[in-house]
Amino acid sequence: MTPNSATSASSAPSRRSFLASTAVAAAAVAGGMPLLAACGGSDSGSGGGTSAGKGAKKLLPAYVATNVVTPDIAAKNGSAVGFTSKLDIASLKTSVPKKLGKGGKVSIMSPFWGSPPKGDNAYYKAMNDLIGVDVQWRNQDGNTYDQKLGAVLASSDIPDVVVIPGWNMGGKIPSAIIGKFADLGPYLSGDKVKDYPNLAGIPSDAWQRCIFGGKLRGLPMPSSYVANIVPLYRKDIFDKEGYQVPTSADEFMALAKEITNAKAKRWACMDMKWTAFNAWGVLSGSEKALGWNMVDGKLIYRVETQEYLEALEWTRKLFAAGYVHPDAKLGKSQSTDPGPKFAAGEFLIYNQDISQWWSRTAEQATQNPDYKIWGMDIFGHDGGSPTLWAGEPANIFAFVSKKASESVIRDVLAVANVTAAPYGTKEYMLTNYGVEGTHYTVKNGVPTKTDQGNNEVSNAYVMVASPTATIAHPDFPEVAKAQVEWQQRMGAFTKKSSFYGMQITEPSRYTNLSNDFEQLEDDVVRGRKKISDMQQAVSDWKSKGGDKLRDWYKKLLDENGPAAS
């Protein structure tokens, strides 16, 4: 990521609209930023299934930690690795000493946000020359990728590689993955992956998410499993006014009252629902399977818990008291960028993806030198330590057509071995920034994309595979350090629920069972519905299939065992 590619997104969108937004997708895929977990799965037919069968571990590639580059901050408690040093082009390491590609052609279909560059551009040429493969991109509009994906997978004309984000894995897509894409196990399982050292450096948790229908079919984009929704706040204003960062729900409420002055056009916050769920230890809602967990011998779903209702009630009180910015009350925060009003000090706190810690810093650096955005630690609602739940360790995948020859598969893996190169290598810089002097320049150890770089080097090759989750901001090293350390502190309180890391598809008859909860949550916190309406919805959910779905998940758990804690 570079200062002139800073991005932003809305403050409380739905999971799917958030992830599909141009800004967040670009931020995530351009700089190795952690992504929100999103709905995904695998399928063994209409009855559903999981990636965690008893033989699953035998399918996983051997993990061989990369030693080409040593990060400034090592991963800990599930965090990303961090780099805080200035970039020295002359000292970049080489992680792919020889071309593994054999010169063949590989067609790749992938979602793309923005206007795709021409196919013969300088970036594509440089990447293909480095890899030894003629990659031909079939970029598709990321905002309408669902429709295109379904049509392509239903046809006989499937590209050699198809990238499928987890949030696009609804309906019949999981079945199509099993029916249309190749088993990569013969090339990657166990020690076979050592032919591709950068792929061997991808954590095993991410690879497990690539098992569909009992076969290793995907190439992953790894992410940190630590909660990536951060309560971001205006530290400069906090320091000036003497506000203290809250350490409990009551302290937050009192602070919100102190900050809010509607006549002066200042409110405390935006919709804090996501932070409330974390403060009350509510199971993750970002992936259906992550919403289930064994508690005292019983399998429960997130909406059944008292903590879920208490988190909604606290958020409702923030709205009712008038502490929430009017845009959030009206729902505008879901469709408009709150950044300008945050920068203007109209509200001082909002919760959003951790990537905005950097992107907001970068976009305001020249406009407002005093501006300082920072991240609060998530507090336990009662003032104690929080109980946080792990997200998924990978949620974007590349699949190779079942019709592909061995030579094509080998060429695809050659591509992935370059795109998965770690930060601090020549391959990483070319993949993420392009050609020095053409696509970016380096001044005082900070790479900055040129106009040509912004046009050509964007969400293409990075979609094939990525290195372990990485945070690196040579322009704002203090932010990179703070982001990684935040993840490490929060990771210490993070648990893995019973189905963590498993690629699960629910039976089709339950696909839409939980779909209405997110809208109802928003209605409850805004006072349009009551807590009793949510309680009734939970009761209806149970009777309409929730209890039967519980039995189905319990059977999976009995057959496969829980995720490692």
Protein backbone atom coordinates (compact mmCIF):
# COMPACT_ATOMS: atom_id res chain seq x y z
CA MET A 1 0.00 0.00 0.00
CA THR A 2 1.22 3.48 -0.77
CA PRO A 3 0.12 6.94 0.28
CA ASN A 4 -1.49 7.63 -3.07
CA SER A 5 -3.49 4.42 -2.99
CA ALA A 6 -5.17 5.09 0.33
CA THR A 7 -8.68 3.72 0.45
CA SER A 8 -11.72 3.93 2.64
CA ALA A 9 -15.05 2.25 3.21
CA SER A 10 -18.32 2.72 5.00
CA SER A 11 -18.51 2.33 8.76
CA ALA A 12 -21.10 -0.37 9.30
CA PRO A 13 -22.02 -2.24 6.13
CA SER A 14 -23.22 -5.80 5.84
CA ARG A 15 -20.49 -8.41 5.52
CA ARG A 16 -21.04 -8.96 1.82
CA SER A 17 -21.43 -5.32 0.77
CA PHE A 18 -18.42 -4.42 2.91
CA LEU A 19 -16.17 -6.99 1.33
CA ALA A 20 -17.41 -6.35 -2.18
CA SER A 21 -16.89 -2.60 -1.93
CA THR A 22 -14.30 -1.20 -4.30
CA ALA A 23 -12.31 0.45 -1.55
CA VAL A 24 -11.97 -2.45 0.84
CA ALA A 25 -11.31 -5.03 -1.83
CA ALA A 26 -8.59 -2.83 -3.30
CA ALA A 27 -7.07 -2.20 0.14
CA ALA A 28 -7.12 -5.85 1.03
CA VAL A 29 -5.69 -7.31 -2.13
CA ALA A 30 -3.17 -4.56 -2.81
CA GLY A 31 -1.37 -4.66 0.50
CA GLY A 32 -1.85 -8.01 2.18
CA MET A 33 -4.31 -6.49 4.61
CA PRO A 34 -6.43 -8.76 6.74
CA LEU A 35 -9.90 -9.25 5.29
CA LEU A 36 -13.14 -9.70 7.11
CA ALA A 37 -14.14 -13.33 7.15
CA ALA A 38 -17.06 -14.03 4.86
CA CYS A 39 -19.54 -16.75 4.04
CA GLY A 40 -17.95 -19.76 2.39
CA GLY A 41 -18.15 -23.53 2.27
CA SER A 42 -17.64 -26.83 0.55
CA ASP A 43 -20.20 -29.33 -0.49
CA SER A 44 -20.56 -33.03 -0.99
CA GLY A 45 -24.00 -32.62 -2.51
CA SER A 46 -27.20 -30.95 -1.39
CA GLY A 47 -26.74 -32.46 2.06
CA GLY A 48 -23.73 -30.26 2.85
CA GLY A 49 -20.35 -31.23 4.21
CA THR A 50 -17.05 -30.19 5.74
CA SER A 51 -13.35 -30.05 4.94
CA ALA A 52 -12.37 -31.63 8.24
CA GLY A 53 -12.73 -35.34 7.61
CA LYS A 54 -10.44 -37.68 9.50
CA GLY A 55 -8.00 -37.84 6.59
CA ALA A 56 -7.91 -34.10 6.00
CA LYS A 57 -4.53 -33.51 7.63
CA LYS A 58 -2.88 -35.91 5.17
CA LEU A 59 -3.98 -33.63 2.35
CA LEU A 60 -2.30 -30.54 3.74
CA PRO A 61 0.99 -29.26 2.32
CA ALA A 62 3.95 -29.47 4.68
CA TYR A 63 4.60 -26.17 6.41
CA VAL A 64 8.13 -24.86 5.98
CA ALA A 65 8.54 -21.40 7.47
CA THR A 66 10.22 -19.02 5.06
CA ASN A 67 13.61 -17.71 6.17
CA VAL A 68 14.28 -15.52 3.15
CA VAL A 69 13.24 -12.37 5.03
CA THR A 70 12.99 -11.83 8.79
CA PRO A 71 10.06 -9.59 9.77
CA ASP A 72 10.62 -6.70 12.17
CA ILE A 73 7.75 -8.04 14.29
CA ALA A 74 7.15 -11.79 14.36
CA ALA A 75 3.65 -13.23 14.33
CA LYS A 76 2.23 -13.92 17.78
CA ASN A 77 -1.20 -14.99 19.03
CA GLY A 78 -2.48 -15.27 15.48
CA SER A 79 -1.29 -11.83 14.38
CA ALA A 80 0.14 -10.86 11.02
CA VAL A 81 3.88 -10.42 10.70
CA GLY A 82 4.95 -6.78 10.73
CA PHE A 83 7.51 -4.70 8.88
CA THR A 84 8.39 -1.23 10.12
CA SER A 85 11.70 -0.56 8.34
CA LYS A 86 12.18 1.76 5.42
CA LEU A 87 12.31 -0.07 2.12
CA ASP A 88 15.78 -0.57 0.67
CA ILE A 89 15.42 -1.69 -2.93
CA ALA A 90 19.08 -2.67 -3.11
CA SER A 91 18.69 -5.18 -0.27
CA LEU A 92 15.60 -6.97 -1.53
CA LYS A 93 15.95 -10.74 -1.33
CA THR A 94 15.25 -13.28 -4.07
CA SER A 95 12.77 -16.00 -3.15
CA VAL A 96 12.37 -17.53 -6.63
CA PRO A 97 15.91 -18.03 -8.00
CA LYS A 98 14.79 -19.59 -11.28
CA LYS A 99 11.70 -19.55 -13.44
CA LEU A 100 9.40 -22.46 -12.67
CA GLY A 101 7.04 -21.68 -15.54
CA LYS A 102 7.50 -23.55 -18.80
CA GLY A 103 6.20 -20.82 -21.09
CA GLY A 104 2.63 -22.04 -21.44
CA LYS A 105 -0.54 -19.96 -21.51
CA VAL A 106 -2.81 -19.76 -18.46
CA SER A 107 -6.17 -17.99 -18.47
CA ILE A 108 -7.37 -16.59 -15.13
CA MET A 109 -10.81 -15.20 -14.27
CA SER A 110 -10.86 -13.01 -11.20
CA PRO A 111 -12.98 -10.25 -9.67
CA PHE A 112 -11.63 -6.78 -10.37
CA TRP A 113 -12.63 -3.51 -8.76
CA GLY A 114 -12.12 -0.52 -11.01
CA SER A 115 -11.20 -0.36 -14.69
CA PRO A 116 -8.97 -3.27 -15.79
CA PRO A 117 -5.82 -2.25 -17.66
CA LYS A 118 -5.08 -3.35 -21.21
CA GLY A 119 -3.82 -6.90 -21.46
CA ASP A 120 -0.43 -5.98 -22.91
CA ASN A 121 0.50 -3.51 -20.16
CA ALA A 122 4.00 -3.24 -18.69
CA TYR A 123 3.02 -4.80 -15.35
CA TYR A 124 1.53 -7.95 -16.86
CA LYS A 125 4.52 -8.31 -19.18
CA ALA A 126 7.02 -8.00 -16.32
CA MET A 127 5.16 -10.51 -14.14
CA ASN A 128 4.82 -13.04 -16.94
CA ASP A 129 8.50 -12.72 -17.80
CA LEU A 130 9.52 -13.28 -14.17
CA ILE A 131 7.25 -16.31 -13.79
CA GLY A 132 7.84 -17.87 -17.19
CA VAL A 133 4.11 -18.15 -17.91
CA ASP A 134 1.86 -16.24 -20.31
CA VAL A 135 -1.01 -15.31 -17.98
CA GLN A 136 -4.07 -14.04 -19.84
CA TRP A 137 -6.47 -12.20 -17.55
CA ARG A 138 -10.23 -12.39 -17.84
CA ASN A 139 -11.01 -9.75 -15.24
CA GLN A 140 -14.67 -9.36 -14.24
CA ASP A 141 -16.46 -6.62 -12.35
CA GLY A 142 -16.09 -7.50 -8.67
CA ASN A 143 -19.42 -5.88 -7.81
CA THR A 144 -21.36 -8.23 -10.10
CA TYR A 145 -19.04 -11.23 -9.86
CA ASP A 146 -21.76 -13.48 -8.47
CA GLN A 147 -23.71 -13.45 -11.72
CA LYS A 148 -20.70 -13.91 -13.97
CA LEU A 149 -19.29 -16.69 -11.80
CA GLY A 150 -22.51 -18.68 -11.88
CA ALA A 151 -22.78 -18.37 -15.65
CA VAL A 152 -19.18 -19.38 -16.30
CA LEU A 153 -19.27 -22.38 -13.97
CA ALA A 154 -22.49 -23.57 -15.60
CA SER A 155 -20.86 -23.45 -19.03
CA SER A 156 -18.28 -25.64 -20.71
CA ASP A 157 -15.91 -22.69 -21.21
CA ILE A 158 -14.15 -22.47 -17.86
CA PRO A 159 -10.81 -20.62 -17.70
CA ASP A 160 -7.75 -22.48 -16.47
CA VAL A 161 -8.01 -20.65 -13.14
CA VAL A 162 -11.03 -19.14 -11.42
CA VAL A 163 -10.71 -16.98 -8.31
CA ILE A 164 -13.64 -17.32 -5.91
CA PRO A 165 -13.92 -15.17 -2.78
CA GLY A 166 -15.70 -16.77 0.16
CA TRP A 167 -18.53 -14.25 -0.04
CA ASN A 168 -19.33 -15.52 -3.56
CA MET A 169 -19.72 -19.15 -2.45
CA GLY A 170 -23.46 -19.22 -2.03
CA GLY A 171 -26.02 -21.37 -3.81
CA LYS A 172 -24.59 -24.01 -6.15
CA ILE A 173 -21.05 -22.62 -6.23
CA PRO A 174 -19.61 -25.08 -3.65
CA SER A 175 -20.96 -28.03 -5.65
CA ALA A 176 -19.47 -26.53 -8.81
CA ILE A 177 -16.10 -26.22 -7.09
CA ILE A 178 -16.09 -29.93 -6.43
CA GLY A 179 -17.35 -30.82 -9.90
CA LYS A 180 -15.29 -28.45 -12.02
CA PHE A 181 -11.92 -27.97 -10.33
CA ALA A 182 -8.80 -30.10 -10.03
CA ASP A 183 -7.33 -31.91 -7.06
CA LEU A 184 -4.03 -30.18 -6.32
CA GLY A 185 -3.03 -32.74 -3.71
CA PRO A 186 -0.77 -34.71 -6.11
CA TYR A 187 1.27 -31.51 -6.56
CA LEU A 188 1.13 -29.94 -3.10
CA SER A 189 0.20 -32.37 -0.31
CA GLY A 190 2.90 -33.22 2.21
CA ASP A 191 6.47 -32.69 1.03
CA LYS A 192 5.39 -32.17 -2.59
CA VAL A 193 4.83 -28.49 -1.81
CA LYS A 194 8.57 -28.07 -1.23
CA ASP A 195 8.95 -27.70 -5.01
CA TYR A 196 7.23 -24.35 -4.41
CA PRO A 197 8.93 -22.87 -1.31
CA ASN A 198 6.74 -19.77 -1.04
CA LEU A 199 3.60 -21.92 -1.05
CA ALA A 200 5.20 -24.07 1.65
CA GLY A 201 5.42 -20.92 3.79
CA ILE A 202 1.63 -20.53 3.85
CA PRO A 203 0.21 -21.59 7.26
CA SER A 204 -1.58 -24.94 7.47
CA ASP A 205 -4.80 -23.35 8.75
CA ALA A 206 -5.13 -21.48 5.46
CA TRP A 207 -4.58 -24.66 3.47
CA GLN A 208 -7.26 -26.53 5.41
CA ARG A 209 -9.76 -23.96 4.16
CA CYS A 210 -8.83 -25.09 0.63
CA ILE A 211 -10.21 -28.60 1.07
CA PHE A 212 -13.46 -29.06 -0.83
CA GLY A 213 -15.18 -32.42 -1.23
CA GLY A 214 -12.32 -34.26 0.41
CA LYS A 215 -9.66 -32.88 -1.97
CA LEU A 216 -7.17 -30.03 -1.79
CA ARG A 217 -8.60 -27.84 -4.55
CA GLY A 218 -7.76 -24.23 -3.70
CA LEU A 219 -4.83 -21.84 -3.42
CA PRO A 220 -5.40 -19.47 -0.49
CA MET A 221 -5.02 -15.83 0.43
CA PRO A 222 -4.11 -16.19 4.13
CA SER A 223 -5.33 -13.74 6.76
CA SER A 224 -4.90 -13.24 10.49
CA TYR A 225 -7.62 -15.02 12.45
CA VAL A 226 -7.65 -12.27 15.10
CA ALA A 227 -10.80 -10.11 15.10
CA ASN A 228 -10.18 -7.43 12.50
CA ILE A 229 -12.90 -4.99 13.52
CA VAL A 230 -11.15 -2.27 15.51
CA PRO A 231 -12.81 0.54 17.51
CA LEU A 232 -10.96 3.39 15.79
CA TYR A 233 -10.86 6.81 17.43
CA ARG A 234 -9.47 10.34 17.01
CA LYS A 235 -6.51 10.17 19.36
CA ASP A 236 -5.53 13.77 18.65
CA ILE A 237 -8.90 15.05 19.89
CA PHE A 238 -8.93 12.59 22.82
CA ASP A 239 -5.53 13.93 23.91
CA LYS A 240 -6.59 17.54 23.48
CA GLU A 241 -9.85 17.13 25.41
CA GLY A 242 -8.46 14.77 28.03
CA TYR A 243 -10.80 11.92 27.11
CA GLN A 244 -9.79 8.51 28.48
CA VAL A 245 -10.04 5.37 26.36
CA PRO A 246 -12.86 3.29 27.92
CA THR A 247 -12.21 -0.12 29.44
CA SER A 248 -15.82 -1.21 29.97
CA ALA A 249 -19.26 -0.77 28.42
CA ASP A 250 -20.30 1.62 31.20
CA GLU A 251 -17.19 3.75 30.70
CA PHE A 252 -17.88 3.89 26.98
CA MET A 253 -21.45 5.04 27.61
CA ALA A 254 -20.24 7.74 30.01
CA LEU A 255 -17.60 8.89 27.53
CA ALA A 256 -20.18 8.98 24.75
CA LYS A 257 -22.32 11.30 26.88
CA GLU A 258 -19.34 13.55 27.58
CA ILE A 259 -18.36 13.82 23.91
CA THR A 260 -21.81 14.35 22.39
CA ASN A 261 -22.99 17.88 21.74
CA ALA A 262 -25.55 17.83 18.95
CA LYS A 263 -25.78 21.64 18.81
CA ALA A 264 -22.07 21.77 18.10
CA LYS A 265 -22.45 18.97 15.50
CA ARG A 266 -20.37 16.50 17.48
CA TRP A 267 -21.45 12.98 18.32
CA ALA A 268 -19.52 10.24 20.05
CA CYS A 269 -19.64 7.46 17.52
CA MET A 270 -21.17 5.58 14.62
CA ASP A 271 -23.01 2.26 14.97
CA MET A 272 -20.91 0.27 17.49
CA LYS A 273 -22.72 -3.06 17.08
CA TRP A 274 -19.65 -4.98 15.96
CA THR A 275 -17.61 -3.76 18.92
CA ALA A 276 -20.52 -4.61 21.24
CA PHE A 277 -20.56 -8.20 19.97
CA ASN A 278 -16.83 -8.45 20.72
CA ALA A 279 -17.18 -6.81 24.15
CA TRP A 280 -19.87 -9.34 25.13
CA GLY A 281 -18.01 -12.31 23.66
CA VAL A 282 -20.65 -13.10 21.04
CA LEU A 283 -19.66 -15.81 18.59
CA SER A 284 -18.63 -14.62 15.15
CA GLY A 285 -21.35 -13.92 12.61
CA SER A 286 -18.96 -13.54 9.71
CA GLU A 287 -19.10 -17.22 8.76
CA LYS A 288 -22.14 -19.34 9.53
CA ALA A 289 -20.14 -22.23 10.92
CA LEU A 290 -18.24 -19.91 13.27
CA GLY A 291 -21.52 -18.97 14.93
CA TRP A 292 -21.75 -22.43 16.50
CA ASN A 293 -19.87 -23.66 19.56
CA MET A 294 -20.04 -26.33 22.22
CA VAL A 295 -20.92 -24.81 25.59
CA ASP A 296 -21.39 -27.03 28.66
CA GLY A 297 -21.99 -30.04 26.46
CA LYS A 298 -24.55 -28.35 24.21
CA LEU A 299 -24.09 -26.95 20.74
CA ILE A 300 -25.39 -23.38 20.63
CA TYR A 301 -25.79 -20.76 17.92
CA ARG A 302 -24.76 -17.15 18.49
CA VAL A 303 -28.28 -15.68 18.38
CA GLU A 304 -29.44 -17.98 21.18
CA THR A 305 -27.14 -16.47 23.78
CA GLN A 306 -27.94 -13.89 26.42
CA GLU A 307 -24.74 -12.05 25.48
CA TYR A 308 -26.11 -11.48 21.98
CA LEU A 309 -29.20 -9.75 23.33
CA GLU A 310 -27.21 -7.72 25.87
CA ALA A 311 -24.85 -6.46 23.16
CA LEU A 312 -27.80 -5.35 21.04
CA GLU A 313 -29.45 -3.65 24.02
CA TRP A 314 -26.28 -1.69 24.85
CA THR A 315 -25.97 -0.56 21.23
CA ARG A 316 -29.68 0.40 21.24
CA LYS A 317 -29.07 2.59 24.29
CA LEU A 318 -26.27 4.45 22.46
CA PHE A 319 -28.69 5.25 19.66
CA ALA A 320 -31.58 6.08 21.98
CA ALA A 321 -29.45 8.50 24.00
CA GLY A 322 -28.50 10.40 20.85
CA TYR A 323 -24.80 9.59 21.08
CA VAL A 324 -24.66 8.09 17.56
CA HIS A 325 -24.12 10.28 14.51
CA PRO A 326 -27.39 10.92 12.62
CA ASP A 327 -25.98 9.34 9.45
CA ALA A 328 -25.82 5.98 11.23
CA LYS A 329 -29.35 6.42 12.58
CA LEU A 330 -30.60 6.98 9.04
CA GLY A 331 -28.48 4.17 7.64
CA LYS A 332 -26.37 6.55 5.54
CA SER A 333 -23.20 5.17 7.08
CA GLN A 334 -23.79 2.00 5.11
CA SER A 335 -23.73 3.73 1.74
CA THR A 336 -21.56 6.81 2.21
CA ASP A 337 -17.95 7.20 3.26
CA PRO A 338 -17.83 8.50 6.86
CA GLY A 339 -14.19 9.53 6.46
CA PRO A 340 -14.74 13.25 5.79
CA LYS A 341 -17.04 13.67 8.82
CA PHE A 342 -14.64 11.66 10.98
CA ALA A 343 -11.83 13.94 9.80
CA ALA A 344 -14.00 16.98 10.54
CA GLY A 345 -14.55 15.73 14.10
CA GLU A 346 -18.32 15.25 13.76
CA PHE A 347 -17.86 11.89 15.51
CA LEU A 348 -14.80 10.53 17.28
CA ILE A 349 -15.20 6.73 17.33
CA TYR A 350 -16.24 4.11 14.79
CA ASN A 351 -15.59 0.42 14.29
CA GLN A 352 -14.17 -0.83 11.02
CA ASP A 353 -11.64 -3.12 9.40
CA ILE A 354 -8.10 -2.72 10.73
CA SER A 355 -6.90 -1.61 7.28
CA GLN A 356 -8.54 1.78 7.83
CA TRP A 357 -6.10 2.54 10.63
CA TRP A 358 -3.50 3.04 7.91
CA SER A 359 -5.67 4.26 5.03
CA ARG A 360 -7.27 7.06 7.08
CA THR A 361 -3.82 8.07 8.33
CA ALA A 362 -2.46 8.18 4.79
CA GLU A 363 -5.33 10.16 3.31
CA GLN A 364 -5.14 12.86 5.99
CA ALA A 365 -1.35 13.10 6.28
CA THR A 366 -0.97 16.15 4.05
CA GLN A 367 -4.40 17.70 4.67
CA ASN A 368 -4.39 17.66 8.47
CA PRO A 369 -0.99 17.10 10.14
CA ASP A 370 -2.55 17.05 13.62
CA TYR A 371 -4.98 14.25 12.70
CA LYS A 372 -4.25 10.98 14.47
CA ILE A 373 -6.45 7.91 14.22
CA TRP A 374 -5.72 5.07 16.65
CA GLY A 375 -7.27 1.79 17.73
CA MET A 376 -8.83 1.05 21.10
CA ASP A 377 -8.28 -2.32 22.68
CA ILE A 378 -11.52 -4.28 22.80
CA PHE A 379 -12.77 -4.32 26.38
CA GLY A 380 -14.80 -6.90 28.20
CA HIS A 381 -18.24 -5.37 28.77
CA ASP A 382 -17.82 -5.64 32.53
CA GLY A 383 -14.32 -4.17 32.54
CA GLY A 384 -12.54 -7.50 32.54
CA SER A 385 -10.70 -9.21 29.70
CA PRO A 386 -12.74 -9.74 26.53
CA THR A 387 -13.55 -13.12 25.04
CA LEU A 388 -12.94 -12.90 21.31
CA TRP A 389 -13.55 -15.48 18.62
CA ALA A 390 -11.25 -16.33 15.75
CA GLY A 391 -12.22 -15.53 12.20
CA GLU A 392 -11.27 -17.70 9.26
CA PRO A 393 -7.58 -17.94 8.26
CA ALA A 394 -8.33 -17.64 4.52
CA ASN A 395 -11.31 -16.43 2.50
CA ILE A 396 -10.21 -15.88 -1.08
CA PHE A 397 -9.23 -18.88 -3.18
CA ALA A 398 -7.98 -19.69 -6.69
CA PHE A 399 -9.06 -22.96 -8.32
CA VAL A 400 -7.62 -24.79 -11.34
CA SER A 401 -9.93 -26.31 -13.93
CA LYS A 402 -10.32 -30.07 -13.82
CA LYS A 403 -9.68 -30.04 -17.58
CA ALA A 404 -6.24 -28.47 -17.14
CA SER A 405 -3.25 -30.58 -18.19
CA GLU A 406 -0.39 -31.27 -15.80
CA SER A 407 1.74 -28.70 -17.59
CA VAL A 408 -0.94 -26.03 -17.09
CA ILE A 409 -1.30 -26.94 -13.41
CA ARG A 410 2.48 -26.69 -12.98
CA ASP A 411 2.44 -23.29 -14.65
CA VAL A 412 -0.36 -22.12 -12.34
CA LEU A 413 1.67 -23.22 -9.34
CA ALA A 414 4.64 -21.33 -10.76
CA VAL A 415 2.46 -18.21 -10.80
CA ALA A 416 1.30 -18.84 -7.22
CA ASN A 417 4.85 -19.43 -5.99
CA VAL A 418 5.77 -15.92 -7.15
CA THR A 419 2.64 -14.17 -5.89
CA ALA A 420 3.06 -15.85 -2.47
CA ALA A 421 6.56 -14.41 -2.06
CA PRO A 422 7.04 -12.71 1.32
CA TYR A 423 7.39 -8.99 1.88
CA GLY A 424 10.98 -7.83 1.44
CA THR A 425 11.59 -9.86 -1.72
CA LYS A 426 11.94 -8.80 -5.34
CA GLU A 427 8.98 -10.98 -6.24
CA TYR A 428 6.73 -9.34 -3.65
CA MET A 429 7.63 -5.87 -4.89
CA LEU A 430 6.94 -6.74 -8.50
CA THR A 431 3.66 -8.47 -7.62
CA ASN A 432 2.38 -5.68 -5.41
CA TYR A 433 4.02 -2.56 -6.86
CA GLY A 434 5.17 -3.38 -10.40
CA VAL A 435 8.36 -2.18 -12.05
CA GLU A 436 10.44 0.42 -10.22
CA GLY A 437 10.58 3.66 -12.16
CA THR A 438 7.55 2.72 -14.23
CA HIS A 439 4.93 1.79 -11.66
CA TYR A 440 6.45 3.20 -8.50
CA THR A 441 9.29 5.29 -7.16
CA VAL A 442 11.06 5.07 -3.82
CA LYS A 443 11.84 8.19 -1.81
CA ASN A 444 13.24 8.06 1.73
CA GLY A 445 12.51 4.34 1.86
CA VAL A 446 8.83 4.72 0.97
CA PRO A 447 7.46 3.28 -2.30
CA THR A 448 4.85 5.44 -4.01
CA LYS A 449 2.91 4.33 -7.05
CA THR A 450 2.92 6.44 -10.17
CA ASP A 451 -0.25 7.11 -12.13
CA GLN A 452 0.67 4.19 -14.37
CA GLY A 453 1.17 2.02 -11.29
CA ASN A 454 -2.23 2.91 -9.89
CA ASN A 455 -3.77 2.08 -13.26
CA GLU A 456 -2.00 -1.20 -13.95
CA VAL A 457 -0.93 -2.74 -10.62
CA SER A 458 -4.21 -3.57 -8.93
CA ASN A 459 -5.96 -6.73 -7.70
CA ALA A 460 -4.78 -9.17 -10.36
CA TYR A 461 -1.83 -11.47 -9.57
CA VAL A 462 -2.31 -11.05 -5.82
CA MET A 463 -5.59 -12.94 -6.18
CA VAL A 464 -3.86 -16.20 -7.16
CA ALA A 465 -2.14 -16.79 -3.82
CA SER A 466 -0.56 -14.63 -1.12
CA PRO A 467 2.07 -14.92 1.61
CA THR A 468 1.25 -15.25 5.28
CA ALA A 469 -0.74 -12.29 6.61
CA THR A 470 1.53 -9.24 6.53
CA ILE A 471 1.30 -5.62 7.64
CA ALA A 472 3.93 -3.28 6.25
CA HIS A 473 3.73 0.51 6.01
CA PRO A 474 7.16 2.06 5.48
CA ASP A 475 5.41 5.42 5.15
CA PHE A 476 3.82 5.11 8.60
CA PRO A 477 5.86 2.51 10.51
CA GLU A 478 4.29 3.52 13.83
CA VAL A 479 0.90 2.51 12.44
CA ALA A 480 2.18 -0.85 11.20
CA LYS A 481 3.71 -1.53 14.62
CA ALA A 482 0.52 -0.51 16.40
CA GLN A 483 -1.66 -2.66 14.13
CA VAL A 484 0.41 -5.80 14.68
CA GLU A 485 0.69 -5.20 18.43
CA TRP A 486 -3.08 -4.63 18.63
CA GLN A 487 -3.61 -8.00 16.93
CA GLN A 488 -1.16 -9.63 19.33
CA ARG A 489 -2.90 -8.20 22.41
CA MET A 490 -6.35 -9.14 21.13
CA GLY A 491 -5.05 -12.51 19.96
CA ALA A 492 -4.22 -13.35 23.57
CA PHE A 493 -7.97 -13.23 24.30
CA THR A 494 -9.02 -15.04 21.12
CA LYS A 495 -10.51 -18.52 21.15
CA LYS A 496 -11.27 -20.87 18.30
CA SER A 497 -14.85 -22.06 18.17
CA SER A 498 -15.75 -25.66 17.46
CA PHE A 499 -15.75 -25.31 13.66
CA TYR A 500 -12.82 -22.95 13.23
CA GLY A 501 -10.90 -23.50 10.02
CA MET A 502 -13.34 -26.01 8.58
CA GLN A 503 -14.72 -25.37 5.11
CA ILE A 504 -18.40 -26.13 5.65
CA THR A 505 -21.46 -25.98 3.46
CA GLU A 506 -24.80 -26.25 5.18
CA PRO A 507 -27.51 -28.38 3.56
CA SER A 508 -29.32 -26.33 0.93
CA ARG A 509 -32.60 -26.43 2.86
CA TYR A 510 -30.98 -24.30 5.58
CA THR A 511 -29.15 -21.86 3.29
CA ASN A 512 -31.37 -18.86 4.01
CA LEU A 513 -32.40 -19.73 7.55
CA SER A 514 -30.30 -17.06 9.26
CA ASN A 515 -30.36 -14.40 6.55
CA ASP A 516 -32.80 -12.02 8.26
CA PHE A 517 -30.90 -11.64 11.54
CA GLU A 518 -28.49 -8.97 10.33
CA GLN A 519 -31.28 -6.64 9.22
CA LEU A 520 -33.21 -7.30 12.41
CA GLU A 521 -30.11 -6.48 14.47
CA ASP A 522 -29.89 -3.11 12.74
CA ASP A 523 -33.59 -2.46 13.29
CA VAL A 524 -33.33 -3.32 16.98
CA VAL A 525 -30.36 -1.07 17.72
CA ARG A 526 -32.04 1.82 15.88
CA GLY A 527 -35.23 1.39 17.86
CA ARG A 528 -37.35 0.27 14.93
CA LYS A 529 -37.81 -3.16 16.52
CA LYS A 530 -37.67 -4.39 20.10
CA ILE A 531 -35.50 -6.95 21.87
CA SER A 532 -38.65 -9.03 22.17
CA ASP A 533 -38.88 -9.07 18.36
CA MET A 534 -35.40 -10.58 18.27
CA GLN A 535 -36.36 -13.16 20.89
CA GLN A 536 -39.36 -14.12 18.77
CA ALA A 537 -37.17 -14.36 15.68
CA VAL A 538 -34.82 -16.72 17.51
CA SER A 539 -37.78 -18.86 18.56
CA ASP A 540 -38.99 -18.94 14.96
CA TRP A 541 -35.50 -19.81 13.76
CA LYS A 542 -35.42 -22.82 16.05
CA SER A 543 -38.81 -24.14 14.95
CA LYS A 544 -38.22 -23.49 11.23
CA GLY A 545 -35.03 -25.53 11.13
CA GLY A 546 -32.54 -24.17 13.63
CA ASP A 547 -32.85 -27.14 15.96
CA LYS A 548 -32.51 -29.57 13.04
CA LEU A 549 -29.50 -27.64 11.78
CA ARG A 550 -28.01 -27.98 15.28
CA ASP A 551 -28.37 -31.76 14.98
CA TRP A 552 -26.64 -31.65 11.59
CA TYR A 553 -23.72 -29.66 12.99
CA LYS A 554 -23.53 -31.95 16.01
CA LYS A 555 -23.19 -34.93 13.71
CA LEU A 556 -20.34 -33.19 11.87
CA LEU A 557 -18.67 -32.52 15.20
CA ASP A 558 -19.07 -36.12 16.32
CA GLU A 559 -17.61 -37.39 13.05
CA ASN A 560 -14.73 -34.93 12.67
CA GLY A 561 -13.95 -33.60 16.14
CA PRO A 562 -13.70 -29.92 17.10
CA ALA A 563 -11.18 -27.44 15.81
CA ALA A 564 -7.93 -27.14 17.71
CA SER A 565 -8.25 -24.56 20.48
